[in-house]
Amino acid sequence: MKKLGLILLAGAVSIGIAVAQDTAKQDMKDAGHDTKNAGKDVGHATATGAKDTGHATKTAAKDTGHATEKGAKATGHATATGAKDVGKGTETGAKDVGKGTEDAGKDVGHATKKVFGDDKKKSTDTKSTPQ
């Protein structure tokens, strides 16, 4: 009977170990499948995110390009308008300076005549000066 008890005990232990091994194997298989599925999910999410980011980047680049083009046109227009205004101001200023110089020359000429007299009158004057 002792033998029978030992045999039964050994059989029960070996069945328990076999069942535990099968359970551990299945747990490992399940963990492997879960890891594989999680990896696939991450891969899909990464691909989708990359596509979305690519589209957003392309759209932003187009918007930036359009804004830059509009800004460059506006800057060019403002520069051309400013250059015309500066040119017109320079032209007007030059005319004013020329007119002022002409007027000043006349004033200096008149003042010189007052101080030194009119040479034309002296040369045509036949009167002699007393000595």
N, C-alpha and C. Protein backbone atom coordinates (compact mmCIF):
# COMPACT_ATOMS: atom_id res chain seq x y z
N MET A 1 0.79 -1.16 0.00
CA MET A 1 0.00 0.00 0.00
C MET A 1 0.87 1.26 0.00
N LYS A 2 1.95 1.09 0.65
CA LYS A 2 2.85 2.22 0.61
C LYS A 2 3.27 2.52 -0.81
N LYS A 3 3.52 1.46 -1.54
CA LYS A 3 3.93 1.65 -2.91
C LYS A 3 2.84 2.33 -3.72
N LEU A 4 1.63 1.84 -3.52
CA LEU A 4 0.51 2.39 -4.26
C LEU A 4 0.33 3.87 -3.92
N GLY A 5 0.50 4.21 -2.70
CA GLY A 5 0.38 5.62 -2.27
C GLY A 5 1.46 6.47 -2.91
N LEU A 6 2.66 5.93 -2.92
CA LEU A 6 3.75 6.66 -3.53
C LEU A 6 3.54 6.82 -5.04
N ILE A 7 3.05 5.81 -5.67
CA ILE A 7 2.80 5.87 -7.11
C ILE A 7 1.70 6.90 -7.39
N LEU A 8 0.66 6.84 -6.61
CA LEU A 8 -0.42 7.82 -6.79
C LEU A 8 0.08 9.24 -6.54
N LEU A 9 0.87 9.39 -5.51
CA LEU A 9 1.43 10.70 -5.19
C LEU A 9 2.34 11.18 -6.32
N ALA A 10 3.17 10.33 -6.84
CA ALA A 10 4.07 10.70 -7.93
C ALA A 10 3.27 11.04 -9.18
N GLY A 11 2.23 10.28 -9.44
CA GLY A 11 1.38 10.55 -10.60
C GLY A 11 0.68 11.90 -10.47
N ALA A 12 0.18 12.19 -9.30
CA ALA A 12 -0.52 13.46 -9.08
C ALA A 12 0.44 14.64 -9.23
N VAL A 13 1.63 14.47 -8.69
CA VAL A 13 2.62 15.54 -8.79
C VAL A 13 3.02 15.75 -10.25
N SER A 14 3.25 14.69 -11.00
CA SER A 14 3.66 14.84 -12.39
C SER A 14 2.53 15.43 -13.23
N ILE A 15 1.30 15.11 -12.95
CA ILE A 15 0.16 15.71 -13.67
C ILE A 15 0.08 17.19 -13.33
N GLY A 16 0.26 17.52 -12.07
CA GLY A 16 0.24 18.92 -11.64
C GLY A 16 1.34 19.73 -12.31
N ILE A 17 2.52 19.14 -12.42
CA ILE A 17 3.63 19.83 -13.07
C ILE A 17 3.33 19.98 -14.56
N ALA A 18 2.79 18.94 -15.18
CA ALA A 18 2.48 18.99 -16.60
C ALA A 18 1.42 20.06 -16.86
N VAL A 19 0.41 20.12 -16.00
CA VAL A 19 -0.65 21.12 -16.15
C VAL A 19 -0.06 22.52 -15.96
N ALA A 20 0.81 22.67 -14.98
CA ALA A 20 1.44 23.97 -14.73
C ALA A 20 2.31 24.38 -15.91
N GLN A 21 3.02 23.41 -16.50
CA GLN A 21 3.84 23.72 -17.66
C GLN A 21 2.98 24.14 -18.85
N ASP A 22 1.88 23.44 -19.06
CA ASP A 22 0.98 23.78 -20.16
C ASP A 22 0.39 25.18 -19.94
N THR A 23 0.03 25.49 -18.72
CA THR A 23 -0.53 26.80 -18.41
C THR A 23 0.53 27.89 -18.64
N ALA A 24 1.76 27.63 -18.23
CA ALA A 24 2.83 28.60 -18.42
C ALA A 24 3.11 28.79 -19.91
N LYS A 25 3.11 27.68 -20.65
CA LYS A 25 3.33 27.77 -22.10
C LYS A 25 2.23 28.60 -22.75
N GLN A 26 1.00 28.35 -22.36
CA GLN A 26 -0.12 29.08 -22.95
C GLN A 26 -0.04 30.56 -22.57
N ASP A 27 0.33 30.84 -21.33
CA ASP A 27 0.49 32.24 -20.90
C ASP A 27 1.55 32.94 -21.74
N MET A 28 2.65 32.24 -22.01
CA MET A 28 3.72 32.82 -22.82
C MET A 28 3.25 33.05 -24.25
N LYS A 29 2.50 32.05 -24.79
CA LYS A 29 1.96 32.22 -26.13
C LYS A 29 1.02 33.42 -26.19
N ASP A 30 0.16 33.52 -25.19
CA ASP A 30 -0.79 34.65 -25.14
C ASP A 30 -0.04 35.98 -25.04
N ALA A 31 0.99 36.01 -24.22
CA ALA A 31 1.78 37.23 -24.09
C ALA A 31 2.46 37.57 -25.41
N GLY A 32 2.94 36.57 -26.11
CA GLY A 32 3.57 36.78 -27.42
C GLY A 32 2.57 37.34 -28.42
N HIS A 33 1.37 36.78 -28.44
CA HIS A 33 0.33 37.28 -29.35
C HIS A 33 -0.06 38.72 -28.98
N ASP A 34 -0.21 38.97 -27.70
CA ASP A 34 -0.56 40.33 -27.25
C ASP A 34 0.51 41.33 -27.65
N THR A 35 1.78 40.93 -27.48
CA THR A 35 2.89 41.82 -27.85
C THR A 35 2.89 42.06 -29.35
N LYS A 36 2.66 41.00 -30.12
CA LYS A 36 2.62 41.11 -31.58
C LYS A 36 1.49 42.06 -32.00
N ASN A 37 0.32 41.89 -31.42
CA ASN A 37 -0.82 42.75 -31.76
C ASN A 37 -0.58 44.20 -31.34
N ALA A 38 0.03 44.39 -30.18
CA ALA A 38 0.34 45.75 -29.74
C ALA A 38 1.34 46.40 -30.68
N GLY A 39 2.31 45.63 -31.13
CA GLY A 39 3.29 46.15 -32.09
C GLY A 39 2.62 46.57 -33.40
N LYS A 40 1.68 45.75 -33.87
CA LYS A 40 0.95 46.10 -35.09
C LYS A 40 0.16 47.40 -34.88
N ASP A 41 -0.51 47.49 -33.73
CA ASP A 41 -1.30 48.69 -33.45
C ASP A 41 -0.43 49.93 -33.41
N VAL A 42 0.74 49.83 -32.79
CA VAL A 42 1.67 50.96 -32.73
C VAL A 42 2.15 51.31 -34.14
N GLY A 43 2.43 50.29 -34.94
CA GLY A 43 2.86 50.52 -36.31
C GLY A 43 1.80 51.24 -37.13
N HIS A 44 0.55 50.82 -36.99
CA HIS A 44 -0.54 51.48 -37.71
C HIS A 44 -0.71 52.92 -37.25
N ALA A 45 -0.65 53.11 -35.95
CA ALA A 45 -0.80 54.48 -35.41
C ALA A 45 0.35 55.37 -35.87
N THR A 46 1.55 54.82 -35.90
CA THR A 46 2.71 55.59 -36.35
C THR A 46 2.57 55.97 -37.82
N ALA A 47 2.13 55.02 -38.64
CA ALA A 47 1.96 55.29 -40.07
C ALA A 47 0.89 56.36 -40.29
N THR A 48 -0.22 56.24 -39.58
CA THR A 48 -1.29 57.23 -39.72
C THR A 48 -0.81 58.60 -39.26
N GLY A 49 -0.13 58.64 -38.13
CA GLY A 49 0.39 59.92 -37.62
C GLY A 49 1.39 60.54 -38.58
N ALA A 50 2.22 59.71 -39.17
CA ALA A 50 3.22 60.23 -40.12
C ALA A 50 2.53 60.80 -41.36
N LYS A 51 1.49 60.11 -41.85
CA LYS A 51 0.76 60.62 -43.00
C LYS A 51 0.09 61.95 -42.68
N ASP A 52 -0.55 62.01 -41.51
CA ASP A 52 -1.21 63.26 -41.10
C ASP A 52 -0.21 64.39 -40.95
N THR A 53 0.92 64.07 -40.36
CA THR A 53 1.97 65.09 -40.19
C THR A 53 2.48 65.55 -41.55
N GLY A 54 2.66 64.61 -42.46
CA GLY A 54 3.13 64.96 -43.81
C GLY A 54 2.15 65.87 -44.52
N HIS A 55 0.87 65.55 -44.43
CA HIS A 55 -0.16 66.39 -45.07
C HIS A 55 -0.19 67.78 -44.44
N ALA A 56 -0.12 67.82 -43.11
CA ALA A 56 -0.14 69.12 -42.41
C ALA A 56 1.08 69.95 -42.76
N THR A 57 2.23 69.29 -42.86
CA THR A 57 3.46 70.01 -43.22
C THR A 57 3.37 70.57 -44.63
N LYS A 58 2.84 69.76 -45.55
CA LYS A 58 2.70 70.21 -46.94
C LYS A 58 1.74 71.40 -47.02
N THR A 59 0.63 71.32 -46.31
CA THR A 59 -0.35 72.41 -46.29
C THR A 59 0.27 73.66 -45.70
N ALA A 60 0.98 73.51 -44.59
CA ALA A 60 1.62 74.67 -43.95
C ALA A 60 2.66 75.28 -44.87
N ALA A 61 3.39 74.46 -45.59
CA ALA A 61 4.41 74.97 -46.51
C ALA A 61 3.75 75.77 -47.64
N LYS A 62 2.62 75.26 -48.15
CA LYS A 62 1.91 76.00 -49.19
C LYS A 62 1.42 77.35 -48.65
N ASP A 63 0.83 77.32 -47.44
CA ASP A 63 0.34 78.56 -46.84
C ASP A 63 1.47 79.56 -46.62
N THR A 64 2.60 79.06 -46.16
CA THR A 64 3.75 79.93 -45.94
C THR A 64 4.24 80.51 -47.25
N GLY A 65 4.27 79.68 -48.28
CA GLY A 65 4.70 80.15 -49.61
C GLY A 65 3.78 81.24 -50.14
N HIS A 66 2.48 81.04 -49.99
CA HIS A 66 1.52 82.05 -50.46
C HIS A 66 1.68 83.35 -49.67
N ALA A 67 1.83 83.24 -48.37
CA ALA A 67 1.99 84.43 -47.54
C ALA A 67 3.28 85.17 -47.89
N THR A 68 4.34 84.42 -48.13
CA THR A 68 5.62 85.03 -48.50
C THR A 68 5.50 85.74 -49.84
N GLU A 69 4.82 85.11 -50.78
CA GLU A 69 4.63 85.72 -52.10
C GLU A 69 3.83 87.02 -51.98
N LYS A 70 2.75 86.99 -51.22
CA LYS A 70 1.93 88.20 -51.03
C LYS A 70 2.75 89.29 -50.34
N GLY A 71 3.51 88.90 -49.33
CA GLY A 71 4.33 89.87 -48.61
C GLY A 71 5.39 90.49 -49.51
N ALA A 72 5.99 89.66 -50.35
CA ALA A 72 7.01 90.17 -51.27
C ALA A 72 6.41 91.14 -52.28
N LYS A 73 5.21 90.81 -52.78
CA LYS A 73 4.55 91.72 -53.71
C LYS A 73 4.22 93.04 -53.04
N ALA A 74 3.69 92.96 -51.81
CA ALA A 74 3.34 94.18 -51.09
C ALA A 74 4.58 95.02 -50.80
N THR A 75 5.67 94.35 -50.43
CA THR A 75 6.91 95.06 -50.16
C THR A 75 7.44 95.71 -51.43
N GLY A 76 7.39 94.97 -52.53
CA GLY A 76 7.84 95.53 -53.80
C GLY A 76 7.01 96.73 -54.22
N HIS A 77 5.71 96.62 -54.04
CA HIS A 77 4.82 97.73 -54.39
C HIS A 77 5.11 98.95 -53.51
N ALA A 78 5.27 98.71 -52.21
CA ALA A 78 5.57 99.82 -51.29
C ALA A 78 6.92 100.45 -51.62
N THR A 79 7.88 99.63 -52.00
CA THR A 79 9.20 100.16 -52.36
C THR A 79 9.10 101.01 -53.62
N ALA A 80 8.36 100.51 -54.61
CA ALA A 80 8.22 101.27 -55.86
C ALA A 80 7.49 102.60 -55.60
N THR A 81 6.44 102.54 -54.81
CA THR A 81 5.69 103.76 -54.49
C THR A 81 6.58 104.73 -53.71
N GLY A 82 7.32 104.19 -52.74
CA GLY A 82 8.22 105.04 -51.96
C GLY A 82 9.30 105.66 -52.82
N ALA A 83 9.82 104.89 -53.77
CA ALA A 83 10.86 105.42 -54.66
C ALA A 83 10.30 106.54 -55.53
N LYS A 84 9.07 106.36 -56.00
CA LYS A 84 8.44 107.42 -56.79
C LYS A 84 8.26 108.68 -55.95
N ASP A 85 7.80 108.49 -54.70
CA ASP A 85 7.59 109.63 -53.81
C ASP A 85 8.92 110.34 -53.53
N VAL A 86 9.96 109.58 -53.29
CA VAL A 86 11.28 110.17 -53.02
C VAL A 86 11.77 110.91 -54.26
N GLY A 87 11.58 110.28 -55.42
CA GLY A 87 12.00 110.93 -56.68
C GLY A 87 11.25 112.23 -56.89
N LYS A 88 9.95 112.22 -56.65
CA LYS A 88 9.14 113.43 -56.83
C LYS A 88 9.59 114.49 -55.82
N GLY A 89 9.84 114.08 -54.59
CA GLY A 89 10.30 115.03 -53.57
C GLY A 89 11.65 115.62 -53.93
N THR A 90 12.53 114.79 -54.46
CA THR A 90 13.85 115.27 -54.86
C THR A 90 13.73 116.26 -56.01
N GLU A 91 12.87 115.94 -56.97
CA GLU A 91 12.66 116.83 -58.11
C GLU A 91 12.10 118.19 -57.64
N THR A 92 11.10 118.12 -56.79
CA THR A 92 10.49 119.36 -56.26
C THR A 92 11.52 120.15 -55.46
N GLY A 93 12.28 119.44 -54.63
CA GLY A 93 13.31 120.11 -53.83
C GLY A 93 14.37 120.77 -54.70
N ALA A 94 14.76 120.09 -55.76
CA ALA A 94 15.77 120.65 -56.66
C ALA A 94 15.23 121.91 -57.35
N LYS A 95 13.98 121.87 -57.76
CA LYS A 95 13.38 123.05 -58.38
C LYS A 95 13.34 124.20 -57.38
N ASP A 96 12.94 123.90 -56.14
CA ASP A 96 12.88 124.94 -55.11
C ASP A 96 14.26 125.53 -54.85
N VAL A 97 15.27 124.68 -54.77
CA VAL A 97 16.63 125.16 -54.54
C VAL A 97 17.09 126.01 -55.72
N GLY A 98 16.80 125.55 -56.93
CA GLY A 98 17.17 126.33 -58.13
C GLY A 98 16.50 127.69 -58.13
N LYS A 99 15.22 127.74 -57.81
CA LYS A 99 14.49 129.01 -57.77
C LYS A 99 15.06 129.91 -56.67
N GLY A 100 15.36 129.31 -55.52
CA GLY A 100 15.93 130.09 -54.42
C GLY A 100 17.29 130.65 -54.79
N THR A 101 18.09 129.84 -55.46
CA THR A 101 19.41 130.30 -55.89
C THR A 101 19.27 131.44 -56.89
N GLU A 102 18.34 131.32 -57.82
CA GLU A 102 18.11 132.37 -58.82
C GLU A 102 17.67 133.67 -58.13
N ASP A 103 16.73 133.54 -57.20
CA ASP A 103 16.24 134.72 -56.48
C ASP A 103 17.36 135.35 -55.64
N ALA A 104 18.17 134.52 -55.01
CA ALA A 104 19.26 135.04 -54.20
C ALA A 104 20.28 135.76 -55.09
N GLY A 105 20.53 135.22 -56.27
CA GLY A 105 21.46 135.87 -57.21
C GLY A 105 20.95 137.25 -57.62
N LYS A 106 19.68 137.35 -57.87
CA LYS A 106 19.09 138.65 -58.24
C LYS A 106 19.23 139.63 -57.08
N ASP A 107 18.93 139.12 -55.85
CA ASP A 107 19.04 140.00 -54.68
C ASP A 107 20.47 140.49 -54.49
N VAL A 108 21.43 139.59 -54.66
CA VAL A 108 22.83 139.98 -54.52
C VAL A 108 23.19 140.99 -55.60
N GLY A 109 22.68 140.77 -56.83
CA GLY A 109 22.95 141.71 -57.93
C GLY A 109 22.39 143.09 -57.62
N HIS A 110 21.19 143.16 -57.13
CA HIS A 110 20.58 144.44 -56.78
C HIS A 110 21.35 145.13 -55.65
N ALA A 111 21.74 144.35 -54.66
CA ALA A 111 22.48 144.93 -53.55
C ALA A 111 23.84 145.44 -54.01
N THR A 112 24.46 144.71 -54.90
CA THR A 112 25.75 145.14 -55.43
C THR A 112 25.59 146.45 -56.20
N LYS A 113 24.55 146.58 -56.97
CA LYS A 113 24.31 147.81 -57.72
C LYS A 113 24.09 148.97 -56.76
N LYS A 114 23.39 148.72 -55.67
CA LYS A 114 23.14 149.79 -54.71
C LYS A 114 24.45 150.25 -54.07
N VAL A 115 25.30 149.31 -53.75
CA VAL A 115 26.55 149.66 -53.07
C VAL A 115 27.55 150.29 -54.03
N PHE A 116 27.72 149.70 -55.18
CA PHE A 116 28.76 150.15 -56.09
C PHE A 116 28.24 151.01 -57.23
N GLY A 117 26.97 151.11 -57.35
CA GLY A 117 26.40 151.93 -58.42
C GLY A 117 26.26 151.14 -59.69
N ASP A 118 25.64 151.76 -60.66
CA ASP A 118 25.38 151.10 -61.94
C ASP A 118 26.50 151.47 -62.90
N ASP A 119 27.32 150.55 -63.31
CA ASP A 119 28.44 150.81 -64.21
C ASP A 119 27.96 151.29 -65.56
N LYS A 120 26.82 150.87 -66.01
CA LYS A 120 26.31 151.28 -67.31
C LYS A 120 26.01 152.78 -67.31
N LYS A 121 25.44 153.27 -66.25
CA LYS A 121 25.12 154.69 -66.16
C LYS A 121 26.40 155.51 -66.12
N LYS A 122 27.42 155.07 -65.42
CA LYS A 122 28.67 155.81 -65.32
C LYS A 122 29.37 155.88 -66.66
N SER A 123 29.36 154.82 -67.39
CA SER A 123 30.09 154.82 -68.65
C SER A 123 29.38 155.65 -69.71
N THR A 124 28.08 155.77 -69.61
CA THR A 124 27.35 156.57 -70.59
C THR A 124 27.12 157.99 -70.11
N ASP A 125 27.45 158.25 -68.89
CA ASP A 125 27.26 159.60 -68.34
C ASP A 125 28.39 160.52 -68.85
N THR A 126 28.05 161.66 -69.42
CA THR A 126 29.03 162.57 -70.01
C THR A 126 29.42 163.70 -69.08
N LYS A 127 28.80 163.77 -67.99
CA LYS A 127 29.15 164.81 -67.03
C LYS A 127 30.49 164.49 -66.42
N SER A 128 31.25 165.48 -66.18
CA SER A 128 32.52 165.27 -65.54
C SER A 128 32.35 165.47 -64.03
N THR A 129 33.15 164.84 -63.35
CA THR A 129 33.09 164.98 -61.90
C THR A 129 34.00 166.09 -61.45
N PRO A 130 33.55 166.87 -60.49
CA PRO A 130 34.41 167.98 -60.02
C PRO A 130 35.62 167.44 -59.31
N GLN A 131 36.72 168.25 -59.48
CA GLN A 131 37.96 167.83 -58.88
C GLN A 131 38.34 168.64 -57.73
